[in-house]
């Protein structure tokens, strides 16, 4: 199950894609312009983008180029859609950074299968990255051993704290809503949003001098800032 953003100017097409992906247990958000795509990327934890290259406003190819040039979204899996892609379209789409390209004439079932395949590959890449230390200000986060290291001092994290921090670090500087964190970190556990708040407080307590990087976005959720110059006012 993943949060998929559908960028498609034709409402009936977008709704048809939404229905088939919803039936596959994905959470789906729709966008009809480049501006709406960026709003969705900044507001939610989008895990895959299905992008029509005929997108109006900010054209699809330009939008894909901008995504791949973004430090925040450059690793976002993208499936490009084109009405009738010729060889030039295919080469350009992949050169711009699309993970896959499908014809608008392809069946919705094929699209759903391609979504699943691209997500599987992305998860594999993420797991490989998770074996490597991740720098967070003065900290070094080691997901595989569930540890934080700071100047030779090792702090052990619980499995939940590790999954929470690993989820936040997936999309640095992007806001994660509490309900999204519940789905990603706690899955089917019977917990409420107050659990997210209490676990964030515990995690901050273990982050020491880097605690300021884990910011509260009032009324929404949390984000992890990777900028060492992030404001160092006490977190909420």
Protein backbone atom coordinates (compact mmCIF):
# COMPACT_ATOMS: atom_id res chain seq x y z
CA UNK A 1 0.00 0.00 0.00
CA UNK A 2 1.41 3.39 -1.01
CA UNK A 3 0.34 7.00 -1.41
CA UNK A 4 0.16 7.62 -5.18
CA UNK A 5 -0.26 11.02 -6.84
CA UNK A 6 -2.03 11.01 -10.23
CA UNK A 7 -1.18 14.05 -12.36
CA UNK A 8 -3.71 13.93 -15.18
CA UNK A 9 -5.65 16.83 -16.79
CA UNK A 10 -8.59 14.68 -17.95
CA UNK A 11 -10.93 14.19 -15.01
CA UNK A 12 -12.58 10.98 -16.24
CA UNK A 13 -9.17 9.40 -16.93
CA UNK A 14 -7.81 10.50 -13.55
CA UNK A 15 -10.84 9.08 -11.74
CA UNK A 16 -10.56 5.77 -13.59
CA UNK A 17 -6.90 5.45 -12.58
CA UNK A 18 -7.80 6.43 -9.02
CA UNK A 19 -10.44 3.71 -8.82
CA UNK A 20 -8.17 0.90 -10.02
CA UNK A 21 -5.32 1.94 -7.70
CA UNK A 22 -7.70 2.38 -4.76
CA UNK A 23 -8.94 -1.16 -5.38
CA UNK A 24 -5.29 -2.23 -5.09
CA UNK A 25 -5.32 -0.62 -1.60
CA UNK A 26 -3.28 2.45 -2.48
CA UNK A 27 -4.09 5.92 -1.17
CA UNK A 28 -4.62 8.19 -4.19
CA UNK A 29 -4.44 11.97 -4.63
CA UNK A 30 -5.41 13.69 -7.90
CA UNK A 31 -3.76 16.75 -9.49
CA UNK A 32 -4.65 18.50 -12.76
CA UNK A 33 -1.80 21.02 -13.06
CA UNK A 34 1.85 21.47 -12.18
CA UNK A 35 0.91 23.78 -9.32
CA UNK A 36 -1.39 21.14 -7.83
CA UNK A 37 1.38 18.54 -8.12
CA UNK A 38 3.80 20.70 -6.13
CA UNK A 39 1.13 21.45 -3.52
CA UNK A 40 0.52 17.72 -3.07
CA UNK A 41 4.23 16.93 -2.88
CA UNK A 42 4.76 19.58 -0.20
CA UNK A 43 1.70 18.63 1.85
CA UNK A 44 1.70 14.84 1.79
CA UNK A 45 4.04 11.85 1.88
CA UNK A 46 3.69 10.94 -1.79
CA UNK A 47 5.49 7.67 -2.62
CA UNK A 48 4.91 7.49 -6.39
CA UNK A 49 3.81 9.90 -9.11
CA UNK A 50 1.90 8.86 -12.23
CA UNK A 51 2.56 11.85 -14.49
CA UNK A 52 0.82 12.69 -17.75
CA UNK A 53 3.34 14.30 -20.09
CA UNK A 54 0.41 16.27 -21.54
CA UNK A 55 -0.19 17.93 -18.17
CA UNK A 56 -1.43 21.48 -18.63
CA UNK A 57 -0.04 24.56 -16.93
CA UNK A 58 3.47 23.40 -16.06
CA UNK A 59 3.99 20.85 -18.85
CA UNK A 60 4.72 17.29 -17.85
CA UNK A 61 8.25 17.13 -19.24
CA UNK A 62 9.19 20.40 -17.54
CA UNK A 63 7.68 19.16 -14.29
CA UNK A 64 9.62 15.89 -14.45
CA UNK A 65 12.85 17.83 -15.05
CA UNK A 66 12.09 20.03 -12.04
CA UNK A 67 11.34 17.04 -9.80
CA UNK A 68 14.63 15.36 -10.69
CA UNK A 69 16.45 18.63 -9.96
CA UNK A 70 14.87 18.95 -6.52
CA UNK A 71 16.89 17.87 -3.49
CA UNK A 72 13.66 16.90 -1.72
CA UNK A 73 11.88 14.95 -4.47
CA UNK A 74 14.62 13.73 -6.80
CA UNK A 75 14.25 10.10 -5.62
CA UNK A 76 10.46 10.08 -6.03
CA UNK A 77 9.45 7.15 -8.30
CA UNK A 78 7.71 8.51 -11.44
CA UNK A 79 5.72 6.66 -14.09
CA UNK A 80 5.23 8.89 -17.14
CA UNK A 81 2.15 8.55 -19.36
CA UNK A 82 2.00 9.68 -22.99
CA UNK A 83 -0.84 9.49 -25.52
CA UNK A 84 1.13 7.61 -28.19
CA UNK A 85 4.82 7.64 -27.30
CA UNK A 86 7.24 7.30 -30.18
CA UNK A 87 10.94 6.54 -29.82
CA UNK A 88 11.81 10.20 -29.23
CA UNK A 89 9.23 10.46 -26.43
CA UNK A 90 10.55 7.31 -24.79
CA UNK A 91 14.18 8.42 -24.93
CA UNK A 92 13.34 11.89 -23.62
CA UNK A 93 11.16 10.58 -20.78
CA UNK A 94 13.90 8.28 -19.53
CA UNK A 95 16.59 10.94 -19.99
CA UNK A 96 14.50 13.27 -17.83
CA UNK A 97 14.40 10.61 -15.12
CA UNK A 98 11.15 8.66 -15.49
CA UNK A 99 11.28 5.22 -13.85
CA UNK A 100 8.81 3.85 -16.41
CA UNK A 101 6.78 5.02 -19.40
CA UNK A 102 3.34 3.77 -20.42
CA UNK A 103 1.03 4.62 -23.28
CA UNK A 104 -2.27 6.25 -22.45
CA UNK A 105 -3.78 3.43 -24.51
CA UNK A 106 -2.48 0.80 -22.08
CA UNK A 107 -5.04 -0.93 -19.89
CA UNK A 108 -5.58 0.21 -16.33
CA UNK A 109 -4.63 -3.28 -15.20
CA UNK A 110 -1.24 -2.90 -16.88
CA UNK A 111 -0.76 0.48 -15.21
CA UNK A 112 -1.57 -1.03 -11.80
CA UNK A 113 1.01 -3.78 -12.41
CA UNK A 114 3.63 -1.20 -13.42
CA UNK A 115 2.88 0.81 -10.26
CA UNK A 116 3.48 -2.31 -8.19
CA UNK A 117 6.73 -3.09 -10.02
CA UNK A 118 8.13 0.43 -9.69
CA UNK A 119 7.25 0.55 -5.98
CA UNK A 120 8.97 -2.81 -5.46
CA UNK A 121 12.15 -1.53 -7.10
CA UNK A 122 12.01 1.71 -5.09
CA UNK A 123 11.59 -0.22 -1.84
CA UNK A 124 14.59 -2.36 -2.75
CA UNK A 125 16.73 0.75 -3.33
CA UNK A 126 15.50 2.22 -0.04
CA UNK A 127 16.42 -0.94 1.89
CA UNK A 128 19.92 -0.84 0.42
CA UNK A 129 20.26 2.80 1.48
CA UNK A 130 18.97 1.91 4.95
CA UNK A 131 22.06 -0.24 5.52
CA UNK A 132 24.25 2.87 5.20
CA UNK A 133 24.72 5.49 7.95
CA UNK A 134 22.67 8.67 7.48
CA UNK A 135 24.03 12.03 8.65
CA UNK A 136 21.57 14.18 10.64
CA UNK A 137 23.36 17.29 11.82
CA UNK A 138 25.88 16.10 14.41
CA UNK A 139 24.25 12.66 14.48
CA UNK A 140 24.83 9.51 12.47
CA UNK A 141 21.69 7.37 12.14
CA UNK A 142 22.31 3.66 11.55
CA UNK A 143 18.96 2.02 10.71
CA UNK A 144 20.31 -1.54 10.44
CA UNK A 145 21.60 -1.55 14.05
CA UNK A 146 18.88 0.85 15.31
CA UNK A 147 21.45 3.30 16.69
CA UNK A 148 22.28 6.99 16.84
CA UNK A 149 25.97 7.92 17.09
CA UNK A 150 27.21 11.32 18.26
CA UNK A 151 30.91 11.95 18.99
CA UNK A 152 31.48 8.34 20.00
CA UNK A 153 28.33 8.13 22.11
CA UNK A 154 25.91 5.43 20.98
CA UNK A 155 22.17 5.64 21.67
CA UNK A 156 19.95 2.64 21.04
CA UNK A 157 16.56 3.18 19.38
CA UNK A 158 13.49 1.00 19.74
CA UNK A 159 12.06 -0.64 16.58
CA UNK A 160 9.23 1.92 16.50
CA UNK A 161 11.65 4.85 16.91
CA UNK A 162 13.81 3.42 14.13
CA UNK A 163 10.86 3.04 11.74
CA UNK A 164 9.66 6.55 12.64
CA UNK A 165 13.04 8.18 11.99
CA UNK A 166 13.62 6.09 8.84
CA UNK A 167 10.23 7.21 7.52
CA UNK A 168 10.89 10.88 8.26
CA UNK A 169 14.33 10.77 6.64
CA UNK A 170 12.84 9.34 3.42
CA UNK A 171 11.46 12.76 2.54
CA UNK A 172 13.70 15.36 4.20
CA UNK A 173 12.06 18.78 4.67
CA UNK A 174 8.66 17.39 3.66
CA UNK A 175 5.74 17.49 6.09
CA UNK A 176 4.32 14.14 7.16
CA UNK A 177 0.76 14.17 8.46
CA UNK A 178 0.12 12.24 11.67
CA UNK A 179 -2.28 9.87 9.92
CA UNK A 180 0.35 9.12 7.26
CA UNK A 181 2.91 8.30 9.96
CA UNK A 182 0.40 6.02 11.66
CA UNK A 183 -0.05 4.06 8.44
CA UNK A 184 3.66 3.84 7.63
CA UNK A 185 5.11 3.24 11.11
CA UNK A 186 2.38 1.49 13.07
CA UNK A 187 0.58 -0.23 10.16
CA UNK A 188 -2.34 -2.23 11.58
CA UNK A 189 -1.61 -1.54 15.26
CA UNK A 190 -4.57 -0.13 17.18
CA UNK A 191 -3.09 3.25 18.15
CA UNK A 192 -4.20 6.86 17.74
CA UNK A 193 -2.50 10.12 16.76
CA UNK A 194 -1.46 10.87 20.34
CA UNK A 195 0.89 7.89 20.04
CA UNK A 196 2.69 9.70 17.21
CA UNK A 197 3.18 12.77 19.39
CA UNK A 198 4.53 10.80 22.34
CA UNK A 199 6.94 8.80 20.17
CA UNK A 200 8.22 11.99 18.51
CA UNK A 201 8.93 13.43 21.98
CA UNK A 202 10.86 10.29 22.97
CA UNK A 203 12.80 10.32 19.70
CA UNK A 204 13.73 13.99 20.16
CA UNK A 205 14.99 13.16 23.63
CA UNK A 206 17.44 10.68 22.09
CA UNK A 207 18.56 13.03 19.32
CA UNK A 208 20.37 15.37 21.73
CA UNK A 209 21.86 18.42 19.99
CA UNK A 210 20.12 17.46 16.74
CA UNK A 211 16.62 17.43 18.28
CA UNK A 212 15.85 20.80 16.65
CA UNK A 213 15.89 19.10 13.23
CA UNK A 214 12.67 17.24 14.07
CA UNK A 215 10.11 20.03 13.73
CA UNK A 216 6.43 20.20 14.59
CA UNK A 217 4.15 21.68 11.94
CA UNK A 218 1.22 22.90 14.00
CA UNK A 219 -2.11 21.31 13.15
CA UNK A 220 -0.53 19.01 10.55
CA UNK A 221 2.31 16.78 11.68
CA UNK A 222 6.11 16.66 11.57
CA UNK A 223 9.10 17.09 9.29
CA UNK A 224 12.77 16.28 9.58
CA UNK A 225 15.09 19.08 8.55
CA UNK A 226 18.48 17.97 7.27
CA UNK A 227 19.85 21.50 7.01
CA UNK A 228 22.40 22.07 9.76
CA UNK A 229 21.35 25.71 9.80
CA UNK A 230 17.71 24.86 10.68
CA UNK A 231 16.30 27.13 13.34
CA UNK A 232 17.44 25.96 16.75
CA UNK A 233 14.47 27.21 18.73
CA UNK A 234 13.10 24.54 21.13
CA UNK A 235 10.78 22.11 19.28
CA UNK A 236 7.10 22.06 20.27
